[in-house]
Amino acid sequence: MSALDEAPYKRLRKTPAYEKFAANHKEQIVETDFLYFYGLTWHTKRSAAHNRIKNVDAVVETFADRDPVLRGVHRLLNENFSRVRGQLLDGKQ
């Protein structure tokens, strides 16, 4: 695996959501952490949000077997913030 392939994975490991999850502070993960994990803001255009979410999901799928923390934080974010994810993808706020 090249450094270029690992760069998005390394970015995800440095996000507040990942760090809080790894430190067993799951209750501290908030909506802002979800947005940061995916590299989004509420002002991100729908098409860009869709692509970023798709790309992050692909990175997680690639590295999930090697990094159970990444798999866990991804699952938790998408369960707890499914409404936010839906709003970003549907363009409704």
Foldseek 3Di string as FASTA:
>chain_A
DDPVLCVLVVQLCPQPLLVCLVVVNNVPDDPVSLQVSLVHDLPDALVVSVVSVVVSVVSCVVCCVVDVSSVVSVVSSCVVVVVVSVCSNVVND
